[in-house]
């Protein structure tokens, strides 16, 4: 692992240590979740403004949130940052068989369809449960958009045709 990533993980562990920062030690997943969301919005804002220097800083702040959550999970015996990185590597490899597997190259439309098929398979297939994992915490319009796109992929309502 990159030495700066290891340094970041060590800083987070030190902040959460018994002799570390009282504020950092008292945090929970719930208490820092709003900061995680705020940092994601700040990343989006920097992108919208085209401010690459700010984007670099905001991505760092968002990465710190990921490290913070991973450290708390590690302390509770659930998983660590390495497991988070492994999970996303596995997911990206699995969801890009046209790049990492035996499938040939796909155009954009084929890739989008394949991505959704793979995600539906991960959810257990395209059935009413396909709507289950849409996060309740999404802003209302974003959640409605995601739900309607998922519903459209499931198929027509009984007795109706497209």
N, C-alpha and C. Protein backbone atom coordinates (compact mmCIF):
# COMPACT_ATOMS: atom_id res chain seq x y z
N UNK A 1 0.85 -1.18 0.00
CA UNK A 1 0.00 0.00 0.00
C UNK A 1 0.89 1.24 0.00
N UNK A 2 0.45 2.28 -0.65
CA UNK A 2 1.17 3.54 -0.74
C UNK A 2 1.50 4.07 0.65
N UNK A 3 2.71 4.62 0.81
CA UNK A 3 3.14 5.09 2.13
C UNK A 3 2.26 6.22 2.66
N UNK A 4 1.72 7.07 1.79
CA UNK A 4 0.84 8.15 2.26
C UNK A 4 -0.51 7.60 2.71
N UNK A 5 -0.99 6.54 2.06
CA UNK A 5 -2.23 5.90 2.51
C UNK A 5 -1.99 5.26 3.88
N UNK A 6 -0.87 4.59 4.03
CA UNK A 6 -0.52 4.00 5.33
C UNK A 6 -0.40 5.08 6.40
N UNK A 7 0.17 6.21 6.03
CA UNK A 7 0.28 7.34 6.96
C UNK A 7 -1.10 7.83 7.38
N UNK A 8 -2.01 7.95 6.43
CA UNK A 8 -3.38 8.38 6.73
C UNK A 8 -4.05 7.39 7.68
N UNK A 9 -3.91 6.10 7.43
CA UNK A 9 -4.49 5.09 8.31
C UNK A 9 -3.89 5.18 9.71
N UNK A 10 -2.58 5.43 9.81
CA UNK A 10 -1.92 5.56 11.10
C UNK A 10 -2.39 6.81 11.84
N UNK A 11 -2.59 7.90 11.12
CA UNK A 11 -3.09 9.13 11.74
C UNK A 11 -4.48 8.88 12.32
N UNK A 12 -5.34 8.21 11.55
CA UNK A 12 -6.69 7.94 12.03
C UNK A 12 -6.67 7.06 13.26
N UNK A 13 -5.83 6.03 13.26
CA UNK A 13 -5.72 5.15 14.43
C UNK A 13 -5.23 5.93 15.64
N UNK A 14 -4.29 6.82 15.43
CA UNK A 14 -3.76 7.65 16.54
C UNK A 14 -4.84 8.58 17.08
N UNK A 15 -5.63 9.19 16.18
CA UNK A 15 -6.71 10.08 16.63
C UNK A 15 -7.73 9.34 17.48
N UNK A 16 -7.98 8.06 17.16
CA UNK A 16 -8.98 7.27 17.88
C UNK A 16 -8.39 6.53 19.09
N UNK A 17 -7.07 6.58 19.27
CA UNK A 17 -6.42 5.88 20.38
C UNK A 17 -6.84 6.49 21.72
N UNK A 18 -6.62 5.75 22.79
CA UNK A 18 -6.99 6.19 24.14
C UNK A 18 -6.39 7.56 24.47
N UNK A 19 -5.19 7.82 23.99
CA UNK A 19 -4.55 9.12 24.26
C UNK A 19 -4.64 10.06 23.04
N UNK A 20 -5.58 9.77 22.15
CA UNK A 20 -5.76 10.58 20.95
C UNK A 20 -6.68 11.76 21.18
N UNK A 21 -7.44 12.11 20.18
CA UNK A 21 -8.32 13.29 20.23
C UNK A 21 -9.66 12.92 20.86
N UNK A 22 -10.06 13.62 21.92
CA UNK A 22 -11.35 13.29 22.57
C UNK A 22 -12.53 13.36 21.61
N UNK A 23 -12.56 14.33 20.71
CA UNK A 23 -13.68 14.45 19.77
C UNK A 23 -13.73 13.26 18.84
N UNK A 24 -12.59 12.89 18.27
CA UNK A 24 -12.54 11.76 17.35
C UNK A 24 -12.90 10.45 18.06
N UNK A 25 -12.47 10.29 19.30
CA UNK A 25 -12.75 9.06 20.04
C UNK A 25 -14.23 8.88 20.35
N UNK A 26 -14.95 9.98 20.53
CA UNK A 26 -16.37 9.86 20.90
C UNK A 26 -17.29 9.67 19.71
N UNK A 27 -16.76 9.78 18.50
CA UNK A 27 -17.61 9.67 17.31
C UNK A 27 -18.09 8.24 17.09
N UNK A 28 -19.27 8.14 16.46
CA UNK A 28 -19.87 6.87 16.07
C UNK A 28 -20.20 6.95 14.59
N UNK A 29 -20.61 5.82 14.02
CA UNK A 29 -21.02 5.84 12.62
C UNK A 29 -22.14 6.86 12.42
N UNK A 30 -23.07 6.89 13.33
CA UNK A 30 -24.21 7.80 13.22
C UNK A 30 -23.79 9.26 13.36
N UNK A 31 -22.90 9.54 14.29
CA UNK A 31 -22.53 10.94 14.52
C UNK A 31 -21.71 11.54 13.38
N UNK A 32 -20.94 10.73 12.68
CA UNK A 32 -20.15 11.30 11.58
C UNK A 32 -20.79 11.13 10.21
N UNK A 33 -21.89 10.39 10.13
CA UNK A 33 -22.57 10.22 8.84
C UNK A 33 -22.93 11.56 8.19
N UNK A 34 -23.44 12.55 8.95
CA UNK A 34 -23.74 13.84 8.30
C UNK A 34 -22.50 14.52 7.71
N UNK A 35 -21.34 14.33 8.34
CA UNK A 35 -20.10 14.91 7.81
C UNK A 35 -19.72 14.21 6.50
N UNK A 36 -19.95 12.91 6.44
CA UNK A 36 -19.64 12.15 5.23
C UNK A 36 -20.48 12.66 4.06
N UNK A 37 -21.77 12.86 4.32
CA UNK A 37 -22.67 13.37 3.28
C UNK A 37 -22.26 14.79 2.87
N UNK A 38 -21.94 15.61 3.85
CA UNK A 38 -21.51 16.98 3.56
C UNK A 38 -20.26 16.98 2.68
N UNK A 39 -19.30 16.13 2.99
CA UNK A 39 -18.08 16.08 2.18
C UNK A 39 -18.37 15.64 0.75
N UNK A 40 -19.31 14.70 0.58
CA UNK A 40 -19.68 14.27 -0.78
C UNK A 40 -20.27 15.44 -1.56
N UNK A 41 -21.11 16.23 -0.91
CA UNK A 41 -21.67 17.41 -1.58
C UNK A 41 -20.59 18.44 -1.91
N UNK A 42 -19.61 18.58 -1.03
CA UNK A 42 -18.52 19.52 -1.30
C UNK A 42 -17.67 19.05 -2.48
N UNK A 43 -17.50 17.73 -2.63
CA UNK A 43 -16.82 17.19 -3.81
C UNK A 43 -17.60 17.56 -5.06
N UNK A 44 -18.93 17.34 -5.03
CA UNK A 44 -19.77 17.65 -6.18
C UNK A 44 -19.73 19.14 -6.51
N UNK A 45 -19.70 19.98 -5.50
CA UNK A 45 -19.64 21.42 -5.71
C UNK A 45 -18.33 21.82 -6.38
N UNK A 46 -17.21 21.28 -5.92
CA UNK A 46 -15.92 21.59 -6.52
C UNK A 46 -15.89 21.16 -7.99
N UNK A 47 -16.50 20.01 -8.29
CA UNK A 47 -16.56 19.54 -9.68
C UNK A 47 -17.40 20.49 -10.51
N UNK A 48 -18.56 20.86 -9.99
CA UNK A 48 -19.44 21.77 -10.72
C UNK A 48 -18.76 23.10 -11.01
N UNK A 49 -17.96 23.58 -10.08
CA UNK A 49 -17.24 24.85 -10.27
C UNK A 49 -15.97 24.69 -11.10
N UNK A 50 -15.57 23.44 -11.36
CA UNK A 50 -14.35 23.20 -12.13
C UNK A 50 -13.09 23.58 -11.37
N UNK A 51 -13.15 23.59 -10.04
CA UNK A 51 -12.03 23.99 -9.19
C UNK A 51 -11.23 22.75 -8.79
N UNK A 52 -10.20 22.43 -9.56
CA UNK A 52 -9.43 21.21 -9.34
C UNK A 52 -8.64 21.25 -8.04
N UNK A 53 -8.14 22.41 -7.64
CA UNK A 53 -7.42 22.50 -6.36
C UNK A 53 -8.37 22.19 -5.21
N UNK A 54 -9.56 22.76 -5.25
CA UNK A 54 -10.55 22.48 -4.22
C UNK A 54 -11.02 21.03 -4.29
N UNK A 55 -11.16 20.49 -5.50
CA UNK A 55 -11.57 19.10 -5.65
C UNK A 55 -10.57 18.17 -4.97
N UNK A 56 -9.27 18.44 -5.16
CA UNK A 56 -8.25 17.62 -4.51
C UNK A 56 -8.43 17.63 -3.00
N UNK A 57 -8.65 18.81 -2.43
CA UNK A 57 -8.85 18.91 -0.98
C UNK A 57 -10.13 18.22 -0.53
N UNK A 58 -11.20 18.42 -1.27
CA UNK A 58 -12.48 17.82 -0.89
C UNK A 58 -12.46 16.29 -1.02
N UNK A 59 -11.77 15.78 -2.06
CA UNK A 59 -11.62 14.34 -2.18
C UNK A 59 -10.84 13.78 -0.99
N UNK A 60 -9.83 14.53 -0.54
CA UNK A 60 -9.09 14.13 0.65
C UNK A 60 -9.99 14.08 1.88
N UNK A 61 -10.86 15.09 2.02
CA UNK A 61 -11.80 15.09 3.15
C UNK A 61 -12.76 13.92 3.07
N UNK A 62 -13.22 13.59 1.87
CA UNK A 62 -14.13 12.45 1.71
C UNK A 62 -13.39 11.14 1.99
N UNK A 63 -12.16 11.02 1.53
CA UNK A 63 -11.35 9.84 1.82
C UNK A 63 -11.16 9.70 3.33
N UNK A 64 -10.94 10.79 4.01
CA UNK A 64 -10.79 10.74 5.47
C UNK A 64 -12.06 10.19 6.12
N UNK A 65 -13.22 10.54 5.60
CA UNK A 65 -14.47 10.00 6.13
C UNK A 65 -14.51 8.48 5.95
N UNK A 66 -14.08 7.99 4.81
CA UNK A 66 -14.04 6.55 4.56
C UNK A 66 -13.09 5.89 5.56
N UNK A 67 -11.92 6.48 5.74
CA UNK A 67 -10.93 5.96 6.68
C UNK A 67 -11.49 5.97 8.10
N UNK A 68 -12.21 7.03 8.46
CA UNK A 68 -12.80 7.16 9.79
C UNK A 68 -13.79 6.02 10.03
N UNK A 69 -14.70 5.81 9.09
CA UNK A 69 -15.68 4.72 9.23
C UNK A 69 -14.97 3.36 9.30
N UNK A 70 -13.97 3.16 8.46
CA UNK A 70 -13.25 1.88 8.45
C UNK A 70 -12.51 1.66 9.77
N UNK A 71 -11.96 2.70 10.35
CA UNK A 71 -11.27 2.57 11.63
C UNK A 71 -12.25 2.17 12.73
N UNK A 72 -13.42 2.81 12.75
CA UNK A 72 -14.41 2.45 13.77
C UNK A 72 -14.88 1.00 13.57
N UNK A 73 -15.05 0.58 12.32
CA UNK A 73 -15.46 -0.79 12.04
C UNK A 73 -14.38 -1.77 12.49
N UNK A 74 -13.12 -1.40 12.26
CA UNK A 74 -11.99 -2.23 12.69
C UNK A 74 -11.98 -2.37 14.21
N UNK A 75 -12.18 -1.26 14.90
CA UNK A 75 -12.20 -1.28 16.37
C UNK A 75 -13.32 -2.19 16.89
N UNK A 76 -14.43 -2.24 16.18
CA UNK A 76 -15.57 -3.07 16.59
C UNK A 76 -15.45 -4.52 16.09
N UNK A 77 -14.37 -4.81 15.34
CA UNK A 77 -14.14 -6.16 14.87
C UNK A 77 -14.94 -6.55 13.63
N UNK A 78 -15.43 -5.56 12.89
CA UNK A 78 -16.24 -5.84 11.70
C UNK A 78 -15.39 -6.01 10.44
N UNK A 79 -14.58 -5.02 10.11
CA UNK A 79 -13.73 -5.02 8.92
C UNK A 79 -12.75 -3.87 9.07
N UNK A 80 -11.79 -3.79 8.15
CA UNK A 80 -10.83 -2.68 8.17
C UNK A 80 -10.75 -2.03 6.78
N UNK A 81 -9.88 -1.05 6.65
CA UNK A 81 -9.75 -0.32 5.38
C UNK A 81 -9.34 -1.26 4.25
N UNK A 82 -8.46 -2.20 4.54
CA UNK A 82 -8.02 -3.16 3.52
C UNK A 82 -9.21 -3.95 2.99
N UNK A 83 -10.13 -4.33 3.87
CA UNK A 83 -11.33 -5.06 3.44
C UNK A 83 -12.24 -4.18 2.59
N UNK A 84 -12.31 -2.89 2.91
CA UNK A 84 -13.10 -1.95 2.10
C UNK A 84 -12.50 -1.88 0.69
N UNK A 85 -11.17 -1.72 0.63
CA UNK A 85 -10.50 -1.65 -0.67
C UNK A 85 -10.67 -2.95 -1.44
N UNK A 86 -10.57 -4.09 -0.75
CA UNK A 86 -10.75 -5.39 -1.41
C UNK A 86 -12.16 -5.53 -1.96
N UNK A 87 -13.15 -5.09 -1.18
CA UNK A 87 -14.55 -5.21 -1.62
C UNK A 87 -14.80 -4.39 -2.88
N UNK A 88 -14.27 -3.16 -2.93
CA UNK A 88 -14.51 -2.33 -4.11
C UNK A 88 -13.72 -2.87 -5.31
N UNK A 89 -12.52 -3.41 -5.09
CA UNK A 89 -11.77 -4.02 -6.19
C UNK A 89 -12.53 -5.21 -6.76
N UNK A 90 -13.04 -6.06 -5.87
CA UNK A 90 -13.81 -7.23 -6.32
C UNK A 90 -15.06 -6.79 -7.09
N UNK A 91 -15.75 -5.79 -6.56
CA UNK A 91 -16.98 -5.32 -7.21
C UNK A 91 -16.69 -4.75 -8.60
N UNK A 92 -15.65 -3.93 -8.72
CA UNK A 92 -15.33 -3.33 -10.01
C UNK A 92 -14.91 -4.39 -11.03
N UNK A 93 -14.15 -5.37 -10.58
CA UNK A 93 -13.74 -6.45 -11.48
C UNK A 93 -14.96 -7.26 -11.93
N UNK A 94 -15.84 -7.58 -10.98
CA UNK A 94 -17.05 -8.35 -11.29
C UNK A 94 -17.98 -7.59 -12.23
N UNK A 95 -18.08 -6.29 -12.05
CA UNK A 95 -19.01 -5.49 -12.85
C UNK A 95 -18.43 -5.03 -14.20
N UNK A 96 -17.20 -5.39 -14.47
CA UNK A 96 -16.57 -5.04 -15.75
C UNK A 96 -15.99 -6.29 -16.42
N UNK A 97 -16.83 -7.29 -16.68
CA UNK A 97 -16.30 -8.52 -17.31
C UNK A 97 -15.77 -8.25 -18.72
N UNK A 98 -16.23 -7.19 -19.35
CA UNK A 98 -15.75 -6.85 -20.69
C UNK A 98 -14.32 -6.32 -20.65
N UNK A 99 -13.85 -5.93 -19.47
CA UNK A 99 -12.48 -5.44 -19.31
C UNK A 99 -11.61 -6.51 -18.64
N UNK A 100 -12.13 -7.15 -17.58
CA UNK A 100 -11.34 -8.07 -16.78
C UNK A 100 -11.67 -9.54 -17.04
N UNK A 101 -12.63 -9.82 -17.90
CA UNK A 101 -13.04 -11.21 -18.17
C UNK A 101 -12.84 -11.58 -19.62
N UNK A 102 -13.56 -12.60 -20.02
CA UNK A 102 -13.43 -13.13 -21.38
C UNK A 102 -14.37 -12.45 -22.38
N UNK A 103 -15.25 -11.59 -21.90
CA UNK A 103 -16.19 -10.92 -22.81
C UNK A 103 -15.44 -9.91 -23.66
N UNK A 104 -15.93 -9.69 -24.86
CA UNK A 104 -15.30 -8.73 -25.75
C UNK A 104 -15.68 -7.31 -25.37
N UNK A 105 -15.16 -6.35 -26.09
CA UNK A 105 -15.48 -4.95 -25.82
C UNK A 105 -16.98 -4.67 -26.05
N UNK A 106 -17.51 -3.76 -25.28
CA UNK A 106 -18.91 -3.37 -25.39
C UNK A 106 -19.00 -1.88 -25.73
N UNK A 107 -20.06 -1.49 -26.42
CA UNK A 107 -20.29 -0.06 -26.61
C UNK A 107 -20.96 0.47 -25.34
N UNK A 108 -21.19 1.76 -25.28
CA UNK A 108 -21.72 2.39 -24.07
C UNK A 108 -23.08 1.83 -23.69
N UNK A 109 -23.99 1.68 -24.64
CA UNK A 109 -25.33 1.16 -24.35
C UNK A 109 -25.25 -0.28 -23.84
N UNK A 110 -24.41 -1.11 -24.47
CA UNK A 110 -24.26 -2.50 -24.04
C UNK A 110 -23.66 -2.57 -22.63
N UNK A 111 -22.68 -1.71 -22.36
CA UNK A 111 -22.06 -1.68 -21.03
C UNK A 111 -23.07 -1.26 -19.98
N UNK A 112 -23.87 -0.24 -20.26
CA UNK A 112 -24.88 0.22 -19.30
C UNK A 112 -25.87 -0.89 -18.99
N UNK A 113 -26.32 -1.60 -20.02
CA UNK A 113 -27.27 -2.71 -19.83
C UNK A 113 -26.62 -3.84 -19.04
N UNK A 114 -25.38 -4.17 -19.38
CA UNK A 114 -24.67 -5.24 -18.67
C UNK A 114 -24.47 -4.87 -17.20
N UNK A 115 -24.11 -3.62 -16.94
CA UNK A 115 -23.90 -3.14 -15.56
C UNK A 115 -25.17 -3.34 -14.74
N UNK A 116 -26.30 -2.93 -15.31
CA UNK A 116 -27.57 -3.06 -14.59
C UNK A 116 -27.96 -4.52 -14.40
N UNK A 117 -27.68 -5.37 -15.40
CA UNK A 117 -27.96 -6.80 -15.27
C UNK A 117 -27.12 -7.41 -14.15
N UNK A 118 -25.86 -7.05 -14.10
CA UNK A 118 -24.97 -7.56 -13.05
C UNK A 118 -25.45 -7.11 -11.69
N UNK A 119 -25.79 -5.82 -11.56
CA UNK A 119 -26.28 -5.31 -10.28
C UNK A 119 -27.59 -6.00 -9.88
N UNK A 120 -28.49 -6.24 -10.84
CA UNK A 120 -29.74 -6.93 -10.55
C UNK A 120 -29.45 -8.35 -10.07
N UNK A 121 -28.49 -9.00 -10.69
CA UNK A 121 -28.09 -10.34 -10.26
C UNK A 121 -27.54 -10.33 -8.85
N UNK A 122 -26.79 -9.30 -8.50
CA UNK A 122 -26.25 -9.18 -7.14
C UNK A 122 -27.37 -8.99 -6.13
N UNK A 123 -28.46 -8.36 -6.56
CA UNK A 123 -29.61 -8.15 -5.68
C UNK A 123 -30.51 -9.38 -5.63
N UNK A 124 -30.23 -10.38 -6.45
CA UNK A 124 -31.05 -11.58 -6.46
C UNK A 124 -32.01 -11.64 -7.63
N UNK A 125 -31.80 -10.83 -8.64
CA UNK A 125 -32.65 -10.87 -9.82
C UNK A 125 -33.59 -9.69 -9.89
N UNK A 126 -34.23 -9.57 -11.03
CA UNK A 126 -35.13 -8.43 -11.26
C UNK A 126 -36.54 -8.80 -10.80
N UNK A 127 -36.83 -8.54 -9.55
CA UNK A 127 -38.15 -8.75 -9.00
C UNK A 127 -38.47 -7.57 -8.09
N UNK A 128 -39.62 -7.56 -7.42
CA UNK A 128 -39.95 -6.39 -6.58
C UNK A 128 -38.86 -6.02 -5.58
N UNK A 129 -38.02 -6.98 -5.15
CA UNK A 129 -36.95 -6.66 -4.22
C UNK A 129 -35.88 -5.79 -4.86
N UNK A 130 -35.94 -5.61 -6.18
CA UNK A 130 -34.98 -4.75 -6.86
C UNK A 130 -35.06 -3.32 -6.34
N UNK A 131 -36.17 -2.98 -5.70
CA UNK A 131 -36.32 -1.62 -5.16
C UNK A 131 -35.84 -1.53 -3.72
N UNK A 132 -35.57 -2.65 -3.08
CA UNK A 132 -35.26 -2.67 -1.66
C UNK A 132 -33.99 -1.91 -1.27
N UNK A 133 -32.95 -2.01 -2.05
CA UNK A 133 -31.68 -1.43 -1.60
C UNK A 133 -31.47 0.02 -2.04
N UNK A 134 -32.52 0.69 -2.48
CA UNK A 134 -32.42 2.12 -2.78
C UNK A 134 -32.41 2.83 -1.42
N UNK A 135 -31.34 3.54 -1.10
CA UNK A 135 -31.21 4.11 0.24
C UNK A 135 -32.32 5.11 0.58
N UNK A 136 -32.89 4.95 1.75
CA UNK A 136 -33.90 5.89 2.25
C UNK A 136 -33.31 7.26 2.50
N UNK A 137 -32.01 7.33 2.77
CA UNK A 137 -31.38 8.59 3.13
C UNK A 137 -31.09 9.50 1.93
N UNK A 138 -31.31 9.00 0.71
CA UNK A 138 -31.10 9.86 -0.46
C UNK A 138 -32.06 11.04 -0.42
N UNK A 139 -31.66 12.19 -0.94
CA UNK A 139 -32.61 13.29 -1.08
C UNK A 139 -33.82 12.80 -1.89
N UNK A 140 -35.00 13.32 -1.55
CA UNK A 140 -36.27 12.81 -2.09
C UNK A 140 -36.29 12.70 -3.61
N UNK A 141 -35.86 13.74 -4.31
CA UNK A 141 -35.91 13.68 -5.78
C UNK A 141 -34.93 12.66 -6.34
N UNK A 142 -33.76 12.55 -5.73
CA UNK A 142 -32.78 11.58 -6.19
C UNK A 142 -33.29 10.16 -5.94
N UNK A 143 -33.93 9.94 -4.80
CA UNK A 143 -34.48 8.61 -4.48
C UNK A 143 -35.62 8.27 -5.44
N UNK A 144 -36.49 9.24 -5.71
CA UNK A 144 -37.61 9.00 -6.63
C UNK A 144 -37.08 8.64 -8.03
N UNK A 145 -36.06 9.34 -8.48
CA UNK A 145 -35.47 9.07 -9.79
C UNK A 145 -34.90 7.65 -9.83
N UNK A 146 -34.17 7.28 -8.79
CA UNK A 146 -33.56 5.95 -8.74
C UNK A 146 -34.63 4.86 -8.67
N UNK A 147 -35.67 5.08 -7.87
CA UNK A 147 -36.76 4.11 -7.78
C UNK A 147 -37.47 3.94 -9.11
N UNK A 148 -37.74 5.04 -9.81
CA UNK A 148 -38.46 4.93 -11.09
C UNK A 148 -37.60 4.26 -12.15
N UNK A 149 -36.29 4.50 -12.15
CA UNK A 149 -35.41 3.82 -13.11
C UNK A 149 -35.36 2.32 -12.82
N UNK A 150 -35.28 1.97 -11.54
CA UNK A 150 -35.27 0.55 -11.17
C UNK A 150 -36.59 -0.11 -11.57
N UNK A 151 -37.70 0.56 -11.28
CA UNK A 151 -39.02 0.00 -11.60
C UNK A 151 -39.17 -0.19 -13.10
N UNK A 152 -38.67 0.74 -13.89
CA UNK A 152 -38.77 0.63 -15.34
C UNK A 152 -37.98 -0.57 -15.86
N UNK A 153 -36.88 -0.90 -15.20
CA UNK A 153 -36.08 -2.06 -15.64
C UNK A 153 -36.74 -3.38 -15.26
N UNK A 154 -37.54 -3.39 -14.20
CA UNK A 154 -38.20 -4.62 -13.77
C UNK A 154 -39.20 -5.07 -14.81
N UNK A 155 -39.90 -4.13 -15.40
CA UNK A 155 -40.85 -4.49 -16.45
C UNK A 155 -42.20 -3.87 -16.23
N UNK A 156 -43.14 -4.16 -17.14
CA UNK A 156 -44.47 -3.55 -17.07
C UNK A 156 -45.26 -4.08 -15.88
N UNK A 157 -46.23 -3.29 -15.47
CA UNK A 157 -47.15 -3.68 -14.41
C UNK A 157 -48.06 -4.77 -14.98
N UNK A 158 -48.51 -5.69 -14.14
CA UNK A 158 -49.36 -6.80 -14.60
C UNK A 158 -50.48 -6.31 -15.51
N UNK A 159 -50.61 -6.97 -16.66
CA UNK A 159 -51.69 -6.66 -17.59
C UNK A 159 -51.43 -5.45 -18.48
N UNK A 160 -50.30 -4.77 -18.28
CA UNK A 160 -49.98 -3.60 -19.11
C UNK A 160 -48.81 -3.95 -20.01
N UNK A 161 -48.76 -3.29 -21.13
CA UNK A 161 -47.61 -3.46 -22.01
C UNK A 161 -46.91 -2.14 -22.15
N UNK A 162 -45.70 -2.21 -22.61
CA UNK A 162 -44.90 -0.97 -22.75
C UNK A 162 -45.25 -0.23 -23.98
